[in-house]
C-alpha cells in the first residue's frame, strides 16, 4: 500500500499498531522533548490513526482522539492530535502534511476545535498549516482539583473555532503528560 490510510484503533491489526509504536519509539528516541513513553502511546489510542505507507512500509503515524477542553463555562469537544512522527529518511516528502490534512478534515467536520501539544521542531510545521498558539494560561482538571500547567504555556496549538486565545484553557485529566 502507498499513501495515507485512515483507520480507528479498533480496526487496526495488532501488527500495524506494533509497527506504529516502533516508529514512534525510533522517532522520539533521544528527543529534547523526551522518549515516547507508555503513557504517550496510550494517549494516541482509541481514536483515528493516519498512517503513511510507502512500498508496504509504515513511514508515518499521527492520531486523533477526543478530549474535553474547558473554555470559560463551556466544555469544548476537541479533536486532539497525538503521536505524530515520520521516519527520518522520509521527512520533508509530504507525509506529515498528508497525514495532518486527513486529521484536520476530521477536526473541521466533527469537533469544536483541534488542539495539540507541539515540540519545538514542530512549531513551524503547525503554524504553516494554520494552527495558532494558545496564549492564555493553561490548566488541567486533576484528581486534586484544577492545577496550573505553566510549563505547557506556548506549546499548545489550536485549529478551528474562533476563540479568545488569551483566556484560560483547561484540559481533562489523563496519566502522564496531561497536555
N, C-alpha and C. Protein backbone atom coordinates (compact mmCIF):
# COMPACT_ATOMS: atom_id res chain seq x y z
N UNK A 1 0.84 -1.18 0.00
CA UNK A 1 0.00 0.00 0.00
C UNK A 1 0.88 1.24 0.00
N UNK A 2 0.50 2.22 -0.80
CA UNK A 2 1.15 3.53 -0.78
C UNK A 2 0.10 4.56 -0.47
N UNK A 3 0.48 5.63 0.23
CA UNK A 3 -0.46 6.68 0.54
C UNK A 3 -0.83 6.70 2.01
N UNK A 4 -1.95 7.36 2.30
CA UNK A 4 -2.41 7.55 3.67
C UNK A 4 -3.59 6.64 3.94
N UNK A 5 -3.51 5.90 5.01
CA UNK A 5 -4.60 5.04 5.48
C UNK A 5 -5.19 5.70 6.72
N UNK A 6 -6.50 5.83 6.75
CA UNK A 6 -7.19 6.39 7.92
C UNK A 6 -8.01 5.27 8.53
N UNK A 7 -7.76 4.97 9.82
CA UNK A 7 -8.46 3.85 10.47
C UNK A 7 -8.57 4.10 11.96
N UNK A 8 -9.63 3.57 12.55
CA UNK A 8 -9.81 3.62 14.00
C UNK A 8 -8.91 2.58 14.65
N UNK A 9 -8.50 2.84 15.88
CA UNK A 9 -7.66 1.90 16.62
C UNK A 9 -8.26 0.49 16.58
N UNK A 10 -9.56 0.37 16.75
CA UNK A 10 -10.22 -0.95 16.79
C UNK A 10 -10.10 -1.70 15.48
N UNK A 11 -9.87 -0.99 14.37
CA UNK A 11 -9.80 -1.63 13.06
C UNK A 11 -8.38 -1.92 12.61
N UNK A 12 -7.40 -1.59 13.41
CA UNK A 12 -6.01 -1.85 13.03
C UNK A 12 -5.51 -3.15 13.63
N UNK A 13 -4.87 -3.98 12.81
CA UNK A 13 -4.30 -5.22 13.33
C UNK A 13 -3.21 -4.93 14.37
N UNK A 14 -3.03 -5.84 15.28
CA UNK A 14 -2.01 -5.69 16.33
C UNK A 14 -0.63 -5.44 15.71
N UNK A 15 -0.33 -6.09 14.59
CA UNK A 15 0.97 -5.92 13.94
C UNK A 15 1.16 -4.49 13.46
N UNK A 16 0.11 -3.87 12.94
CA UNK A 16 0.21 -2.48 12.48
C UNK A 16 0.42 -1.54 13.66
N UNK A 17 -0.31 -1.78 14.75
CA UNK A 17 -0.12 -0.96 15.95
C UNK A 17 1.30 -1.12 16.50
N UNK A 18 1.83 -2.34 16.44
CA UNK A 18 3.20 -2.57 16.90
C UNK A 18 4.20 -1.83 16.01
N UNK A 19 3.95 -1.81 14.71
CA UNK A 19 4.82 -1.06 13.79
C UNK A 19 4.76 0.44 14.10
N UNK A 20 3.55 0.95 14.37
CA UNK A 20 3.39 2.36 14.68
C UNK A 20 4.14 2.70 15.97
N UNK A 21 4.01 1.87 16.98
CA UNK A 21 4.71 2.12 18.24
C UNK A 21 6.22 2.11 18.03
N UNK A 22 6.73 1.16 17.24
CA UNK A 22 8.16 1.09 16.98
C UNK A 22 8.64 2.34 16.23
N UNK A 23 7.84 2.81 15.26
CA UNK A 23 8.18 4.02 14.52
C UNK A 23 8.28 5.21 15.48
N UNK A 24 7.31 5.34 16.37
CA UNK A 24 7.30 6.45 17.33
C UNK A 24 8.47 6.34 18.31
N UNK A 25 8.74 5.13 18.79
CA UNK A 25 9.89 4.94 19.68
C UNK A 25 11.18 5.41 19.01
N UNK A 26 11.34 5.03 17.74
CA UNK A 26 12.54 5.41 16.98
C UNK A 26 12.58 6.92 16.76
N UNK A 27 11.47 7.50 16.38
CA UNK A 27 11.42 8.93 16.07
C UNK A 27 11.69 9.81 17.30
N UNK A 28 11.25 9.37 18.47
CA UNK A 28 11.39 10.19 19.67
C UNK A 28 12.59 9.81 20.54
N UNK A 29 13.33 8.78 20.16
CA UNK A 29 14.48 8.34 20.95
C UNK A 29 15.50 9.47 21.04
N UNK A 30 15.82 9.87 22.26
CA UNK A 30 16.81 10.92 22.48
C UNK A 30 16.33 12.32 22.14
N UNK A 31 15.02 12.47 21.89
CA UNK A 31 14.47 13.78 21.55
C UNK A 31 14.60 14.73 22.75
N UNK A 32 14.82 16.04 22.49
CA UNK A 32 14.83 17.01 23.60
C UNK A 32 13.52 17.01 24.38
N UNK A 33 12.43 16.60 23.72
CA UNK A 33 11.13 16.54 24.37
C UNK A 33 10.92 15.23 25.12
N UNK A 34 11.88 14.31 25.03
CA UNK A 34 11.79 13.05 25.75
C UNK A 34 11.37 11.91 24.85
N UNK A 35 11.67 10.71 25.32
CA UNK A 35 11.32 9.50 24.59
C UNK A 35 9.81 9.28 24.60
N UNK A 36 9.33 8.45 23.71
CA UNK A 36 7.92 8.04 23.68
C UNK A 36 7.71 7.11 24.88
N UNK A 37 6.81 7.47 25.77
CA UNK A 37 6.53 6.66 26.94
C UNK A 37 5.28 5.81 26.71
N UNK A 38 5.03 4.87 27.60
CA UNK A 38 3.81 4.07 27.51
C UNK A 38 2.58 4.97 27.61
N UNK A 39 2.64 5.99 28.47
CA UNK A 39 1.52 6.93 28.59
C UNK A 39 1.31 7.72 27.29
N UNK A 40 2.43 8.14 26.67
CA UNK A 40 2.32 8.86 25.39
C UNK A 40 1.63 7.98 24.34
N UNK A 41 2.01 6.72 24.29
CA UNK A 41 1.40 5.79 23.34
C UNK A 41 -0.09 5.62 23.65
N UNK A 42 -0.40 5.46 24.91
CA UNK A 42 -1.80 5.32 25.34
C UNK A 42 -2.63 6.52 24.91
N UNK A 43 -2.06 7.72 24.97
CA UNK A 43 -2.78 8.93 24.59
C UNK A 43 -3.19 8.91 23.12
N UNK A 44 -2.44 8.20 22.30
CA UNK A 44 -2.73 8.15 20.87
C UNK A 44 -3.69 7.05 20.46
N UNK A 45 -4.18 6.28 21.41
CA UNK A 45 -5.08 5.16 21.09
C UNK A 45 -6.53 5.52 21.36
N UNK A 46 -7.44 4.80 20.71
CA UNK A 46 -8.86 4.96 20.95
C UNK A 46 -9.54 5.92 20.01
N UNK A 47 -8.82 6.40 19.03
CA UNK A 47 -9.39 7.32 18.05
C UNK A 47 -8.97 6.91 16.65
N UNK A 48 -8.81 7.90 15.81
CA UNK A 48 -8.45 7.67 14.42
C UNK A 48 -6.94 7.81 14.23
N UNK A 49 -6.40 6.95 13.37
CA UNK A 49 -4.98 6.97 13.04
C UNK A 49 -4.83 7.31 11.57
N UNK A 50 -3.90 8.19 11.26
CA UNK A 50 -3.48 8.44 9.89
C UNK A 50 -2.12 7.77 9.74
N UNK A 51 -2.06 6.80 8.84
CA UNK A 51 -0.84 6.03 8.65
C UNK A 51 -0.31 6.29 7.25
N UNK A 52 0.97 6.64 7.14
CA UNK A 52 1.61 6.87 5.84
C UNK A 52 2.41 5.62 5.46
N UNK A 53 2.12 5.10 4.29
CA UNK A 53 2.77 3.89 3.79
C UNK A 53 3.49 4.19 2.48
N UNK A 54 4.63 3.57 2.30
CA UNK A 54 5.30 3.57 1.01
C UNK A 54 5.94 2.20 0.80
N UNK A 55 5.63 1.61 -0.33
CA UNK A 55 6.14 0.27 -0.67
C UNK A 55 5.91 -0.73 0.45
N UNK A 56 4.74 -0.65 1.08
CA UNK A 56 4.38 -1.59 2.13
C UNK A 56 5.03 -1.34 3.48
N UNK A 57 5.77 -0.25 3.61
CA UNK A 57 6.47 0.07 4.86
C UNK A 57 5.78 1.27 5.50
N UNK A 58 5.51 1.17 6.79
CA UNK A 58 4.93 2.29 7.54
C UNK A 58 6.00 3.34 7.76
N UNK A 59 5.77 4.55 7.20
CA UNK A 59 6.77 5.61 7.31
C UNK A 59 6.29 6.79 8.13
N UNK A 60 4.98 6.82 8.49
CA UNK A 60 4.47 7.93 9.29
C UNK A 60 3.23 7.54 10.07
N UNK A 61 3.03 8.22 11.18
CA UNK A 61 1.86 7.97 12.05
C UNK A 61 1.42 9.27 12.70
N UNK A 62 0.12 9.44 12.82
CA UNK A 62 -0.48 10.52 13.60
C UNK A 62 -1.84 10.03 14.05
N UNK A 63 -2.29 10.46 15.20
CA UNK A 63 -3.61 10.02 15.65
C UNK A 63 -4.41 11.21 16.18
N UNK A 64 -5.72 10.99 16.21
CA UNK A 64 -6.68 12.00 16.66
C UNK A 64 -7.62 11.35 17.66
N UNK A 65 -7.65 11.89 18.87
CA UNK A 65 -8.52 11.37 19.92
C UNK A 65 -9.40 12.50 20.43
N UNK A 66 -10.54 12.15 20.99
CA UNK A 66 -11.41 13.18 21.55
C UNK A 66 -11.02 13.50 22.98
N UNK A 67 -11.01 14.79 23.29
CA UNK A 67 -10.79 15.27 24.64
C UNK A 67 -11.78 16.39 24.91
N UNK A 68 -11.95 16.73 26.18
CA UNK A 68 -12.76 17.89 26.57
C UNK A 68 -11.82 18.96 27.07
N UNK A 69 -11.99 20.16 26.52
CA UNK A 69 -11.24 21.32 26.97
C UNK A 69 -12.23 22.33 27.50
N UNK A 70 -11.98 22.81 28.72
CA UNK A 70 -12.87 23.78 29.35
C UNK A 70 -12.43 25.18 28.97
N UNK A 71 -13.38 25.93 28.42
CA UNK A 71 -13.15 27.31 27.98
C UNK A 71 -14.27 28.13 28.59
N UNK A 72 -13.95 28.89 29.63
CA UNK A 72 -15.00 29.60 30.36
C UNK A 72 -15.94 28.57 30.97
N UNK A 73 -17.24 28.72 30.71
CA UNK A 73 -18.22 27.77 31.26
C UNK A 73 -18.64 26.73 30.22
N UNK A 74 -17.84 26.57 29.18
CA UNK A 74 -18.18 25.65 28.09
C UNK A 74 -17.16 24.52 28.00
N UNK A 75 -17.65 23.28 27.89
CA UNK A 75 -16.78 22.13 27.65
C UNK A 75 -16.74 21.87 26.15
N UNK A 76 -15.62 22.19 25.54
CA UNK A 76 -15.47 22.03 24.10
C UNK A 76 -15.07 20.60 23.75
N UNK A 77 -15.65 20.08 22.69
CA UNK A 77 -15.26 18.77 22.16
C UNK A 77 -14.06 19.01 21.25
N UNK A 78 -12.91 18.54 21.69
CA UNK A 78 -11.67 18.80 20.95
C UNK A 78 -11.16 17.53 20.29
N UNK A 79 -10.78 17.66 19.03
CA UNK A 79 -10.01 16.62 18.36
C UNK A 79 -8.56 16.89 18.68
N UNK A 80 -7.96 16.01 19.50
CA UNK A 80 -6.61 16.25 20.00
C UNK A 80 -5.62 15.38 19.22
N UNK A 81 -4.64 16.00 18.60
CA UNK A 81 -3.66 15.30 17.77
C UNK A 81 -2.54 14.77 18.66
N UNK A 82 -2.22 13.51 18.45
CA UNK A 82 -1.19 12.84 19.25
C UNK A 82 -0.26 12.02 18.35
N UNK A 83 0.90 11.70 18.88
CA UNK A 83 1.80 10.69 18.31
C UNK A 83 2.09 10.92 16.83
N UNK A 84 2.57 12.12 16.52
CA UNK A 84 2.88 12.48 15.13
C UNK A 84 4.37 12.26 14.88
N UNK A 85 4.69 11.45 13.88
CA UNK A 85 6.09 11.23 13.51
C UNK A 85 6.18 10.66 12.10
N UNK A 86 7.28 10.98 11.46
CA UNK A 86 7.63 10.42 10.15
C UNK A 86 9.06 9.91 10.29
N UNK A 87 9.32 8.73 9.73
CA UNK A 87 10.69 8.19 9.78
C UNK A 87 11.67 9.22 9.21
N UNK A 88 12.84 9.31 9.81
CA UNK A 88 13.82 10.35 9.47
C UNK A 88 14.11 10.41 7.97
N UNK A 89 14.29 9.27 7.32
CA UNK A 89 14.65 9.26 5.91
C UNK A 89 13.50 9.63 4.97
N UNK A 90 12.29 9.75 5.53
CA UNK A 90 11.10 10.10 4.73
C UNK A 90 10.56 11.49 5.07
N UNK A 91 11.25 12.22 5.93
CA UNK A 91 10.78 13.56 6.30
C UNK A 91 10.98 14.53 5.13
N UNK A 92 10.13 15.56 5.11
CA UNK A 92 10.17 16.61 4.09
C UNK A 92 9.80 16.09 2.70
N UNK A 93 8.97 15.03 2.68
CA UNK A 93 8.45 14.48 1.42
C UNK A 93 6.93 14.55 1.37
N UNK A 94 6.31 15.27 2.32
CA UNK A 94 4.87 15.47 2.29
C UNK A 94 4.05 14.49 3.10
N UNK A 95 4.67 13.52 3.73
CA UNK A 95 3.91 12.54 4.52
C UNK A 95 3.23 13.18 5.72
N UNK A 96 3.96 14.02 6.44
CA UNK A 96 3.37 14.70 7.60
C UNK A 96 2.20 15.57 7.19
N UNK A 97 2.36 16.32 6.11
CA UNK A 97 1.28 17.19 5.63
C UNK A 97 0.07 16.37 5.20
N UNK A 98 0.30 15.26 4.55
CA UNK A 98 -0.83 14.42 4.10
C UNK A 98 -1.57 13.80 5.28
N UNK A 99 -0.84 13.35 6.30
CA UNK A 99 -1.49 12.80 7.49
C UNK A 99 -2.28 13.89 8.20
N UNK A 100 -1.67 15.06 8.38
CA UNK A 100 -2.36 16.15 9.07
C UNK A 100 -3.58 16.62 8.29
N UNK A 101 -3.51 16.63 6.96
CA UNK A 101 -4.67 17.04 6.16
C UNK A 101 -5.87 16.14 6.46
N UNK A 102 -5.64 14.86 6.60
CA UNK A 102 -6.73 13.93 6.93
C UNK A 102 -7.28 14.19 8.33
N UNK A 103 -6.39 14.39 9.29
CA UNK A 103 -6.85 14.65 10.66
C UNK A 103 -7.55 16.00 10.76
N UNK A 104 -7.05 17.00 10.06
CA UNK A 104 -7.69 18.32 10.08
C UNK A 104 -9.08 18.27 9.44
N UNK A 105 -9.25 17.44 8.43
CA UNK A 105 -10.58 17.25 7.82
C UNK A 105 -11.55 16.69 8.86
N UNK A 106 -11.09 15.72 9.64
CA UNK A 106 -11.92 15.14 10.71
C UNK A 106 -12.22 16.18 11.78
N UNK A 107 -11.24 16.97 12.14
CA UNK A 107 -11.43 18.02 13.15
C UNK A 107 -12.50 19.00 12.69
N UNK A 108 -12.35 19.49 11.48
CA UNK A 108 -13.30 20.51 10.98
C UNK A 108 -14.71 19.96 10.87
N UNK A 109 -14.85 18.68 10.59
CA UNK A 109 -16.17 18.10 10.43
C UNK A 109 -16.80 17.53 11.68
N UNK A 110 -16.01 17.30 12.72
CA UNK A 110 -16.56 16.59 13.86
C UNK A 110 -16.28 17.15 15.25
N UNK A 111 -15.55 18.26 15.34
CA UNK A 111 -15.17 18.77 16.65
C UNK A 111 -15.37 20.28 16.73
N UNK A 112 -15.41 20.80 17.94
CA UNK A 112 -15.49 22.24 18.14
C UNK A 112 -14.17 22.91 17.75
N UNK A 113 -13.06 22.22 17.98
CA UNK A 113 -11.74 22.72 17.63
C UNK A 113 -10.75 21.58 17.64
N UNK A 114 -9.60 21.82 17.08
CA UNK A 114 -8.48 20.90 17.17
C UNK A 114 -7.47 21.46 18.15
N UNK A 115 -6.71 20.58 18.78
CA UNK A 115 -5.66 21.01 19.70
C UNK A 115 -4.52 20.01 19.65
N UNK A 116 -3.35 20.47 20.00
CA UNK A 116 -2.18 19.59 20.07
C UNK A 116 -1.11 20.26 20.89
N UNK A 117 -0.20 19.47 21.39
CA UNK A 117 1.00 19.96 22.05
C UNK A 117 2.15 19.80 21.09
N UNK A 118 2.86 20.88 20.77
CA UNK A 118 3.92 20.83 19.78
C UNK A 118 5.29 20.74 20.42
N UNK A 119 6.19 20.10 19.70
CA UNK A 119 7.61 20.18 20.05
C UNK A 119 8.17 21.44 19.40
N UNK A 120 9.37 21.81 19.78
CA UNK A 120 9.99 22.99 19.17
C UNK A 120 10.14 22.80 17.66
N UNK A 121 10.55 21.60 17.25
CA UNK A 121 10.73 21.32 15.83
C UNK A 121 9.42 21.39 15.06
N UNK A 122 8.30 21.08 15.71
CA UNK A 122 7.02 21.05 15.03
C UNK A 122 6.36 22.39 14.85
N UNK A 123 6.80 23.41 15.59
CA UNK A 123 6.12 24.71 15.56
C UNK A 123 5.99 25.29 14.15
N UNK A 124 7.06 25.38 13.36
CA UNK A 124 6.91 25.96 12.01
C UNK A 124 5.93 25.16 11.14
N UNK A 125 5.94 23.85 11.26
CA UNK A 125 5.04 22.99 10.50
C UNK A 125 3.58 23.31 10.83
N UNK A 126 3.25 23.36 12.13
CA UNK A 126 1.87 23.61 12.52
C UNK A 126 1.44 25.05 12.21
N UNK A 127 2.31 26.01 12.43
CA UNK A 127 1.98 27.40 12.09
C UNK A 127 1.67 27.52 10.60
N UNK A 128 2.44 26.85 9.77
CA UNK A 128 2.24 26.87 8.34
C UNK A 128 0.93 26.24 7.90
N UNK A 129 0.34 25.42 8.75
CA UNK A 129 -0.93 24.77 8.44
C UNK A 129 -2.12 25.52 9.04
N UNK A 130 -1.86 26.66 9.68
CA UNK A 130 -2.95 27.46 10.23
C UNK A 130 -3.25 27.23 11.69
N UNK A 131 -2.46 26.40 12.37
CA UNK A 131 -2.64 26.21 13.81
C UNK A 131 -2.13 27.46 14.51
N UNK A 132 -2.78 27.84 15.61
CA UNK A 132 -2.42 29.05 16.35
C UNK A 132 -2.04 28.70 17.78
N UNK A 133 -0.99 29.35 18.30
CA UNK A 133 -0.59 29.06 19.69
C UNK A 133 -1.61 29.62 20.68
N UNK A 134 -1.91 28.83 21.70
CA UNK A 134 -2.76 29.33 22.78
C UNK A 134 -1.92 30.27 23.61
N UNK A 135 -2.41 31.48 23.87
CA UNK A 135 -1.62 32.49 24.55
C UNK A 135 -2.01 32.70 26.01
N UNK A 136 -3.16 32.18 26.41
CA UNK A 136 -3.61 32.35 27.77
C UNK A 136 -3.05 31.28 28.69
N UNK A 137 -3.36 31.38 29.98
CA UNK A 137 -2.89 30.38 30.94
C UNK A 137 -3.56 29.03 30.70
N UNK A 138 -2.77 27.98 30.91
CA UNK A 138 -3.25 26.61 30.73
C UNK A 138 -3.36 25.92 32.08
N UNK A 139 -4.39 25.07 32.18
CA UNK A 139 -4.71 24.38 33.42
C UNK A 139 -5.06 22.93 33.11
N UNK A 140 -5.08 22.10 34.13
CA UNK A 140 -5.52 20.71 34.00
C UNK A 140 -6.48 20.40 35.14
N UNK A 141 -7.55 19.71 34.80
CA UNK A 141 -8.51 19.22 35.79
C UNK A 141 -7.96 17.89 36.31
N UNK A 142 -7.43 17.88 37.53
CA UNK A 142 -6.77 16.71 38.09
C UNK A 142 -7.62 16.10 39.20
N UNK A 143 -7.24 14.92 39.67
CA UNK A 143 -7.96 14.35 40.81
C UNK A 143 -7.88 15.21 42.07
N UNK A 144 -6.95 16.18 42.09
CA UNK A 144 -6.77 17.06 43.24
C UNK A 144 -7.29 18.47 42.98
N UNK A 145 -8.05 18.62 41.93
CA UNK A 145 -8.60 19.92 41.57
C UNK A 145 -7.94 20.49 40.33
N UNK A 146 -8.25 21.73 40.02
CA UNK A 146 -7.69 22.39 38.85
C UNK A 146 -6.29 22.89 39.19
N UNK A 147 -5.30 22.51 38.36
CA UNK A 147 -3.90 22.82 38.62
C UNK A 147 -3.32 23.56 37.40
N UNK A 148 -2.59 24.60 37.66
CA UNK A 148 -1.94 25.38 36.60
C UNK A 148 -0.83 24.55 35.96
N UNK A 149 -0.73 24.58 34.65
CA UNK A 149 0.30 23.83 33.91
C UNK A 149 1.14 24.82 33.11
N UNK A 150 1.82 25.71 33.80
CA UNK A 150 2.57 26.79 33.15
C UNK A 150 3.69 26.27 32.26
N UNK A 151 4.21 25.07 32.53
CA UNK A 151 5.28 24.51 31.69
C UNK A 151 4.81 24.25 30.26
N UNK A 152 3.51 24.23 30.05
CA UNK A 152 2.95 24.00 28.71
C UNK A 152 2.66 25.30 27.97
N UNK A 153 2.75 26.43 28.66
CA UNK A 153 2.47 27.72 28.02
C UNK A 153 3.34 27.88 26.77
N UNK A 154 2.70 28.25 25.68
CA UNK A 154 3.40 28.45 24.42
C UNK A 154 3.55 27.23 23.56
N UNK A 155 3.19 26.05 24.07
CA UNK A 155 3.37 24.80 23.32
C UNK A 155 2.07 24.17 22.87
N UNK A 156 0.93 24.73 23.27
CA UNK A 156 -0.37 24.18 22.87
C UNK A 156 -0.90 25.02 21.70
N UNK A 157 -1.32 24.33 20.65
CA UNK A 157 -1.80 24.97 19.43
C UNK A 157 -3.23 24.52 19.16
N UNK A 158 -4.01 25.42 18.57
CA UNK A 158 -5.41 25.11 18.28
C UNK A 158 -5.72 25.43 16.83
N UNK A 159 -6.76 24.76 16.34
CA UNK A 159 -7.24 24.94 14.98
C UNK A 159 -8.75 24.96 15.02
N UNK A 160 -9.34 25.94 14.35
CA UNK A 160 -10.79 25.93 14.23
C UNK A 160 -11.46 27.09 14.90
N UNK A 161 -12.47 26.75 15.69
CA UNK A 161 -13.39 27.72 16.27
C UNK A 161 -12.67 28.99 16.72
N UNK A 162 -13.30 30.10 16.41
CA UNK A 162 -12.72 31.39 16.81
C UNK A 162 -12.93 31.59 18.31
N UNK A 163 -11.86 31.54 19.03
CA UNK A 163 -11.87 31.73 20.48
C UNK A 163 -10.90 32.84 20.83
N UNK A 164 -11.09 33.40 22.01
CA UNK A 164 -10.13 34.36 22.53
C UNK A 164 -8.94 33.55 23.07
N UNK A 165 -7.84 33.57 22.34
CA UNK A 165 -6.68 32.74 22.67
C UNK A 165 -5.92 33.22 23.89
N UNK A 166 -6.36 34.33 24.49
CA UNK A 166 -5.69 34.85 25.68
C UNK A 166 -6.39 34.43 26.97
N UNK A 167 -7.53 33.77 26.84
CA UNK A 167 -8.26 33.31 28.03
C UNK A 167 -7.66 32.01 28.55
N UNK A 168 -8.13 31.57 29.70
CA UNK A 168 -7.70 30.30 30.28
C UNK A 168 -8.28 29.13 29.49
N UNK A 169 -7.52 28.05 29.44
CA UNK A 169 -7.97 26.81 28.82
C UNK A 169 -7.56 25.67 29.74
N UNK A 170 -8.50 24.77 30.01
CA UNK A 170 -8.26 23.67 30.94
C UNK A 170 -8.51 22.35 30.23
N UNK A 171 -7.56 21.42 30.36
CA UNK A 171 -7.72 20.10 29.74
C UNK A 171 -8.24 19.10 30.77
N UNK A 172 -8.84 18.03 30.23
CA UNK A 172 -9.29 16.93 31.08
C UNK A 172 -8.08 16.14 31.58
N UNK A 173 -8.30 15.30 32.57
CA UNK A 173 -7.22 14.55 33.22
C UNK A 173 -6.87 13.30 32.42
N UNK A 174 -5.58 12.95 32.44
CA UNK A 174 -5.07 11.68 31.94
C UNK A 174 -3.71 11.44 32.56
N UNK A 175 -3.30 10.20 32.63
CA UNK A 175 -2.00 9.87 33.19
C UNK A 175 -0.89 10.37 32.26
N UNK A 176 0.30 10.58 32.81
CA UNK A 176 1.43 11.07 32.01
C UNK A 176 1.29 12.56 31.76
N UNK A 177 1.75 13.01 30.61
CA UNK A 177 1.64 14.42 30.25
C UNK A 177 0.17 14.75 30.05
N UNK A 178 -0.36 15.69 30.83
CA UNK A 178 -1.78 15.99 30.71
C UNK A 178 -2.13 16.72 29.43
N UNK A 179 -1.22 17.52 28.90
CA UNK A 179 -1.44 18.17 27.62
C UNK A 179 -0.79 17.34 26.56
